[in-house]
Protein backbone atom coordinates (compact mmCIF):
# COMPACT_ATOMS: atom_id res chain seq x y z
CA MET A 1 2.73 -14.39 -10.26
CA GLN A 2 1.29 -17.00 -7.89
CA GLY A 3 -0.25 -15.81 -4.62
CA SER A 4 -2.47 -13.07 -3.28
CA GLY A 5 -2.65 -9.50 -4.50
CA THR A 6 -0.23 -8.41 -1.79
CA TYR A 7 2.32 -10.94 -3.11
CA VAL A 8 2.24 -9.18 -6.46
CA VAL A 9 2.49 -5.72 -4.94
CA GLU A 10 5.55 -6.85 -2.97
CA ALA A 11 6.96 -8.44 -6.13
CA MET A 12 6.54 -5.14 -8.01
CA LEU A 13 8.19 -3.07 -5.29
CA GLY A 14 10.98 -5.55 -4.67
CA THR A 15 11.73 -5.96 -8.37
CA PHE A 16 11.51 -2.39 -9.64
CA VAL A 17 12.59 -0.12 -6.77
CA PRO A 18 16.41 -0.27 -6.72
CA HIS A 19 18.27 -1.04 -3.50
CA LYS A 20 19.62 2.51 -3.55
CA GLY A 21 16.36 3.98 -4.84
CA LYS A 22 13.57 5.60 -2.84
CA LEU A 23 9.81 5.22 -3.12
CA LEU A 24 7.19 7.90 -2.50
CA VAL A 25 4.16 6.01 -1.18
CA LEU A 26 0.83 7.80 -1.68
CA ALA A 27 -1.51 6.53 1.03
CA ASN A 28 -5.09 7.34 1.90
CA GLY A 29 -6.09 4.04 3.43
CA ALA A 30 -5.00 0.54 4.34
CA TYR A 31 -3.42 -0.46 1.04
CA GLY A 32 -1.06 2.49 0.79
CA LEU A 33 -0.01 1.89 4.39
CA ARG A 34 0.55 -1.80 3.59
CA ALA A 35 2.87 -0.81 0.75
CA ALA A 36 4.87 1.30 3.21
CA GLN A 37 5.06 -1.70 5.52
CA ILE A 38 6.40 -3.80 2.64
CA MET A 39 9.13 -1.23 2.08
CA GLU A 40 10.06 -1.45 5.76
CA TYR A 41 10.40 -5.23 5.46
CA LEU A 42 12.50 -4.81 2.32
CA GLY A 43 14.77 -2.36 4.11
CA ARG A 44 14.53 0.14 1.24
CA ALA A 45 14.10 3.87 1.54
CA PHE A 46 10.66 5.42 1.22
CA HIS A 47 8.72 8.60 1.94
CA LEU A 48 5.14 8.13 3.13
CA LEU A 49 2.56 10.75 2.18
CA ASP A 50 -0.30 9.71 4.46
CA LYS A 51 -3.51 11.57 3.61
CA GLY A 52 -5.51 9.91 6.36
CA ASP A 53 -8.69 7.93 5.89
CA TYR A 54 -9.86 9.20 2.52
CA LEU A 55 -8.32 12.44 1.22
CA PRO A 56 -6.79 11.98 -2.26
CA PRO A 57 -3.15 12.80 -2.98
CA ARG A 58 -3.00 15.84 -5.25
CA GLY A 59 -0.60 16.70 -8.03
CA LYS A 60 0.74 19.89 -6.46
CA GLU A 61 1.76 18.27 -3.20
CA ILE A 62 3.35 15.35 -5.04
CA ALA A 63 5.33 17.75 -7.22
CA LYS A 64 6.47 19.66 -4.12
CA ILE A 65 7.76 16.49 -2.41
CA LEU A 66 9.55 15.35 -5.56
CA SER A 67 11.19 18.74 -6.07
CA GLU A 68 12.39 18.81 -2.47
CA ASP A 69 13.71 15.24 -2.40
CA PRO A 70 15.85 14.36 -5.43
CA GLY A 71 16.54 10.94 -3.91
CA ILE A 72 13.03 9.72 -4.73
CA THR A 73 13.16 7.52 -7.82
CA HIS A 74 9.67 5.98 -7.89
CA VAL A 75 6.11 6.84 -6.84
CA LEU A 76 3.43 4.31 -5.86
CA ALA A 77 -0.25 5.17 -6.36
CA ILE A 78 -3.29 3.15 -5.29
CA HIS A 79 -5.84 3.38 -8.10
CA CYS A 80 -8.93 2.68 -5.99
CA GLU A 81 -8.48 2.76 -2.22
CA THR A 82 -11.20 0.45 -0.98
CA SER A 83 -10.82 1.55 2.66
CA SER A 84 -13.10 4.45 1.72
CA GLY A 85 -14.08 3.65 -1.86
CA ILE A 86 -12.34 6.68 -3.33
CA LEU A 87 -11.09 6.59 -6.90
CA ASN A 88 -7.77 8.42 -6.71
CA PRO A 89 -6.96 11.02 -9.42
CA LEU A 90 -4.55 8.82 -11.37
CA VAL A 91 -4.11 11.12 -14.38
CA GLU A 92 -3.25 14.06 -12.12
CA ILE A 93 -0.80 11.91 -10.15
CA ALA A 94 0.81 10.54 -13.32
CA ASN A 95 1.26 14.02 -14.78
CA ALA A 96 3.00 15.23 -11.62
CA VAL A 97 5.32 12.21 -11.58
CA LYS A 98 6.22 12.53 -15.26
CA ALA A 99 6.78 16.29 -15.03
CA ASN A 100 9.35 15.61 -12.32
CA ASN A 101 11.08 12.80 -14.25
CA ARG A 102 10.21 10.03 -11.79
CA LYS A 103 8.77 6.57 -12.39
CA LEU A 104 5.18 5.61 -11.54
CA LEU A 105 4.09 2.27 -10.11
CA ILE A 106 0.35 1.54 -9.81
CA ASP A 107 -1.63 -0.80 -7.56
CA SER A 108 -4.85 -1.31 -9.53
CA MET A 109 -6.03 -4.40 -7.68
CA SER A 110 -9.57 -3.17 -7.25
CA ALA A 111 -10.01 -1.15 -10.45
CA PHE A 112 -8.38 -2.85 -13.44
CA GLY A 113 -10.99 -4.46 -15.66
CA ALA A 114 -13.72 -1.93 -14.87
CA ILE A 115 -11.97 1.46 -14.82
CA PRO A 116 -10.17 2.52 -18.03
CA ILE A 117 -6.39 2.97 -17.83
CA ASP A 118 -4.83 4.31 -21.03
CA PRO A 119 -1.01 4.00 -21.03
CA LYS A 120 -0.91 6.72 -23.69
CA ILE A 121 -2.30 9.11 -21.10
CA ILE A 122 -0.96 7.58 -17.89
CA ASP A 123 2.74 6.86 -18.25
CA PHE A 124 3.61 4.10 -15.79
CA GLU A 125 6.56 1.74 -15.38
CA ALA A 126 4.49 -1.09 -13.96
CA MET A 127 0.95 -1.79 -12.81
CA VAL A 128 -0.41 -4.77 -10.88
CA SER A 129 -3.84 -6.30 -10.49
CA SER A 130 -5.28 -9.70 -9.63
CA ALA A 131 -7.56 -12.39 -10.98
CA ASN A 132 -10.33 -12.07 -8.42
CA LYS A 133 -11.53 -8.47 -8.45
CA CYS A 134 -13.02 -6.73 -11.50
CA ILE A 135 -12.16 -9.61 -13.83
CA GLU A 136 -14.31 -11.77 -11.51
CA GLY A 137 -12.03 -14.80 -11.45
CA VAL A 138 -11.02 -16.59 -8.25
CA PRO A 139 -8.10 -15.74 -5.94
CA GLY A 140 -4.72 -17.31 -6.53
CA PHE A 141 -2.53 -15.15 -8.75
CA GLY A 142 -1.87 -11.59 -9.85
CA PHE A 143 -0.46 -10.08 -13.01
CA VAL A 144 1.86 -7.25 -13.91
CA PHE A 145 1.97 -4.87 -16.84
CA ALA A 146 5.48 -3.46 -17.22
CA LYS A 147 7.65 -1.85 -19.82
CA ARG A 148 10.08 -4.33 -21.36
CA SER A 149 12.97 -1.98 -20.65
CA THR A 150 11.90 -1.75 -17.00
CA LEU A 151 11.93 -5.54 -16.68
CA GLU A 152 15.31 -5.86 -18.36
CA GLU A 153 16.86 -3.21 -16.12
CA ALA A 154 15.53 -4.95 -13.00
CA LYS A 155 17.58 -8.13 -13.42
CA GLY A 156 19.15 -9.12 -10.12
CA ASN A 157 17.39 -6.38 -8.14
CA CYS A 158 14.71 -8.42 -6.36
CA HIS A 159 15.08 -9.45 -2.72
CA SER A 160 13.27 -12.74 -3.27
CA LEU A 161 13.68 -15.80 -5.46
CA SER A 162 9.96 -16.54 -5.86
CA LEU A 163 8.82 -12.89 -6.15
CA ASP A 164 11.36 -11.86 -8.79
CA LEU A 165 9.27 -10.53 -11.68
CA GLU A 166 12.20 -10.23 -14.06
CA ALA A 167 13.18 -13.87 -13.45
CA GLN A 168 9.55 -14.97 -13.83
CA TRP A 169 9.20 -13.06 -17.09
CA SER A 170 12.51 -14.34 -18.48
CA ALA A 171 11.60 -17.94 -17.68
CA MET A 172 8.19 -17.60 -19.30
CA GLU A 173 9.72 -16.01 -22.40
CA LYS A 174 12.14 -18.92 -22.77
CA SER A 175 9.97 -21.89 -21.84
CA GLY A 176 6.37 -20.69 -21.79
CA GLN A 177 6.14 -22.23 -18.32
CA TRP A 178 5.84 -20.92 -14.79
CA ARG A 179 9.06 -21.24 -12.77
CA PHE A 180 7.28 -22.91 -9.86
CA THR A 181 3.99 -24.78 -9.39
CA PRO A 182 1.28 -22.84 -11.25
CA PRO A 183 -2.23 -22.34 -9.80
CA THR A 184 -3.80 -24.45 -12.55
CA HIS A 185 -7.41 -24.35 -11.37
CA VAL A 186 -7.24 -20.59 -10.87
CA LEU A 187 -5.86 -20.13 -14.38
CA ALA A 188 -8.63 -22.27 -15.86
CA ALA A 189 -11.23 -20.16 -14.06
CA PHE A 190 -9.48 -16.96 -15.18
CA LEU A 191 -9.74 -17.93 -18.85
CA ILE A 192 -13.51 -18.38 -18.48
CA ALA A 193 -13.74 -15.10 -16.56
CA LEU A 194 -11.96 -13.31 -19.42
CA GLU A 195 -14.42 -14.75 -21.94
CA ILE A 196 -17.34 -13.51 -19.84
CA HIS A 197 -15.65 -10.12 -19.43
CA THR A 198 -15.30 -9.81 -23.21
CA LYS A 199 -18.93 -10.82 -23.83
CA GLU A 200 -20.09 -8.17 -21.37
CA GLY A 201 -18.33 -5.46 -23.36
CA GLY A 202 -14.89 -5.44 -21.77
CA VAL A 203 -13.85 -2.66 -19.45
CA GLU A 204 -16.67 -0.36 -20.56
CA GLY A 205 -19.40 -2.97 -20.15
CA ARG A 206 -18.13 -4.18 -16.79
CA GLY A 207 -17.72 -0.63 -15.53
CA GLN A 208 -21.24 0.30 -16.59
CA ARG A 209 -22.75 -2.61 -14.67
CA TYR A 210 -20.79 -1.74 -11.55
CA SER A 211 -21.80 1.92 -11.88
CA LYS A 212 -25.47 0.93 -12.16
CA ASN A 213 -25.06 -1.27 -9.09
CA ARG A 214 -23.60 1.64 -7.17
CA ASP A 215 -26.24 4.13 -8.32
CA VAL A 216 -29.18 1.89 -7.42
CA MET A 217 -27.69 0.99 -4.05
CA VAL A 218 -26.65 4.53 -3.11
CA SER A 219 -30.02 5.97 -4.14
CA GLY A 220 -31.88 3.37 -2.10
CA MET A 221 -29.70 3.78 0.97
CA ARG A 222 -30.06 7.55 0.82
CA ASN A 223 -33.82 7.14 0.67
CA LEU A 224 -33.51 5.31 3.99
CA GLY A 225 -31.58 8.27 5.42
CA PHE A 226 -28.03 6.93 5.08
CA GLU A 227 -25.30 9.27 3.87
CA THR A 228 -22.15 8.44 1.91
CA LEU A 229 -18.73 9.53 3.10
CA LEU A 230 -17.77 10.81 -0.33
CA ASP A 231 -19.43 13.34 -2.58
CA GLU A 232 -20.55 12.21 -6.05
CA LYS A 233 -17.35 13.24 -7.84
CA TRP A 234 -15.22 10.95 -5.66
CA LEU A 235 -17.46 7.86 -5.54
CA SER A 236 -16.01 4.81 -7.27
CA PRO A 237 -18.17 2.04 -8.75
CA ILE A 238 -16.18 -0.47 -6.69
CA ILE A 239 -17.20 0.01 -3.05
CA VAL A 240 -19.08 2.71 -1.14
CA THR A 241 -18.64 3.90 2.45
CA PHE A 242 -21.71 4.94 4.46
CA PHE A 243 -21.78 6.66 7.83
CA CYS A 244 -23.49 4.77 10.63
CA PRO A 245 -26.70 6.43 11.88
CA ALA A 246 -26.59 8.70 14.92
CA ASP A 247 -29.74 7.04 16.34
CA SER A 248 -28.80 5.45 19.69
CA ASN A 249 -30.74 2.31 18.77
CA PHE A 250 -28.34 1.59 15.91
CA LYS A 251 -25.74 -1.05 16.72
CA PHE A 252 -23.42 -2.06 13.91
CA GLU A 253 -23.02 -5.62 15.19
CA THR A 254 -26.79 -6.11 15.10
CA PHE A 255 -27.04 -4.45 11.70
CA TYR A 256 -24.28 -6.71 10.36
CA GLU A 257 -25.96 -9.87 11.67
CA GLN A 258 -29.33 -8.87 10.25
CA MET A 259 -27.80 -8.19 6.85
CA LYS A 260 -25.97 -11.52 7.02
CA LYS A 261 -29.20 -13.38 7.82
CA ALA A 262 -30.74 -11.80 4.74
CA GLY A 263 -27.84 -13.11 2.64
CA TYR A 264 -25.62 -10.02 2.43
CA ILE A 265 -22.15 -9.53 3.90
CA ILE A 266 -21.09 -5.93 4.46
CA TYR A 267 -17.71 -4.56 5.56
CA PRO A 268 -17.05 -2.59 8.74
CA GLY A 269 -15.64 0.85 8.03
CA LYS A 270 -12.03 1.91 8.56
CA LEU A 271 -12.57 5.59 9.33
CA THR A 272 -11.26 7.20 12.50
CA VAL A 273 -13.52 10.27 12.36
CA ALA A 274 -16.86 8.45 12.51
CA GLU A 275 -18.34 4.97 12.60
CA SER A 276 -19.03 3.65 9.12
CA PHE A 277 -19.55 0.58 6.98
CA ARG A 278 -18.88 -0.33 3.36
CA ILE A 279 -20.89 -2.09 0.66
CA GLY A 280 -19.24 -3.51 -2.44
CA CYS A 281 -20.64 -3.03 -5.94
CA ILE A 282 -18.48 -5.50 -7.87
CA GLY A 283 -18.76 -9.21 -8.53
CA HIS A 284 -21.30 -11.28 -10.42
CA MET A 285 -24.20 -9.08 -9.30
CA ASP A 286 -26.77 -6.80 -10.90
CA THR A 287 -29.18 -4.09 -9.78
CA LYS A 288 -31.68 -6.64 -8.46
CA VAL A 289 -29.09 -7.75 -5.94
CA MET A 290 -28.47 -4.16 -4.90
CA GLU A 291 -32.20 -3.59 -4.49
CA GLY A 292 -32.15 -6.61 -2.19
CA VAL A 293 -29.34 -5.01 -0.17
CA VAL A 294 -31.41 -1.87 0.33
CA SER A 295 -34.47 -3.91 1.32
CA ALA A 296 -32.43 -5.88 3.86
CA ALA A 297 -31.02 -2.64 5.30
CA LYS A 298 -34.55 -1.29 5.69
CA GLN A 299 -35.64 -4.42 7.55
CA ALA A 300 -32.55 -4.30 9.77
CA LEU A 301 -33.30 -0.71 10.79
CA ARG A 302 -36.86 -1.67 11.59
CA HIS A 303 -35.64 -4.63 13.64
CA MET A 304 -33.46 -2.32 15.77
CA GLY A 305 -36.11 0.36 16.11
CA VAL A 306 -34.01 2.98 14.30
CA GLU A 307 -36.25 5.88 13.29
CA SER A 308 -33.64 7.80 11.30
CA ALA A 309 -30.49 6.60 9.52
CA ALA A 310 -29.08 10.13 9.42
CA PRO A 311 -25.43 10.30 10.56
CA PRO A 312 -24.08 12.53 13.35
CA ARG A 313 -23.28 16.14 12.52
CA ALA A 314 -19.53 15.49 12.85
CA ALA A 315 -19.76 12.96 10.03
CA LEU A 316 -21.51 15.42 7.73
CA ASN A 317 -18.86 18.01 8.52
CA GLU A 318 -16.22 15.54 7.37
CA ARG A 319 -18.05 14.98 4.10
CA GLN A 320 -18.22 18.72 3.56
CA THR A 321 -14.45 18.85 3.93
CA VAL A 322 -14.05 16.27 1.19
CA SER A 323 -16.61 17.86 -1.14
CA GLU A 324 -14.78 21.19 -0.98
CA LEU A 325 -11.59 19.68 -2.40
CA GLU A 326 -10.53 20.95 -5.81
CA GLU A 327 -11.27 18.68 -8.71
């Protein structure tokens, strides 16, 4: 499907959630909340389970909601919520959905291609991702994995001509062509990206490189005094959130500009409980790049006169809350 990742998420929701259906949206960050916003625009019923900035949705609470609301037909899960960097417990979520005879939709924009997803273990109706994340192509289209029966049953359900996945699939099956102007240059780049992905060892190889990137970067940042939002068991190899230091000399704007001058772009955090920032681990990068990130952070702290990168006590209390969650 042509367009950004959000186009494809909207296409999935608009195509597969019936007009008289209801979606349970599992949100613990910006992308779950965006899905809820899409449902508002579509004018279709939904229940939002908002876990805040980072807490993962758990199987028991999902099962409780589904048992109490028989009107819910589908559940949407975000595989990796990059607002915090948490890798949500997809198997646990899928088991709860299946046990309650509902249908699972997955947004795996930032995980597919590096994090294994076995449909024999995770029973989903449809899953979306895009060309420009873990496959390392360029932006311009997304793709959907869906059961054939799910596509066939969705005929005529979509709210949009151009975002109708069933119509797109049917046209491609008949003609082998896109219904509307295809992103030709993006597709050409994607084919090369897939070849590189295969040569690297596929999902396992790509995931290992990203994990090494994360481990080198996190270890180096911790040596400088920085602390991660999430405990080890919740850290994804996609992006990592760090608390900003409590030192009064630390100013994020200055830190950002110093990192940028050194050749590294970081992301401001999206937490409400404490100031934070995020550093990505994916892309055509290796551990040498991550070592450079750590070195640049060290120089930035020195430039600002920050003696300690330790976060405020309130931030550490928040991390303790997360670390005490059941696995």
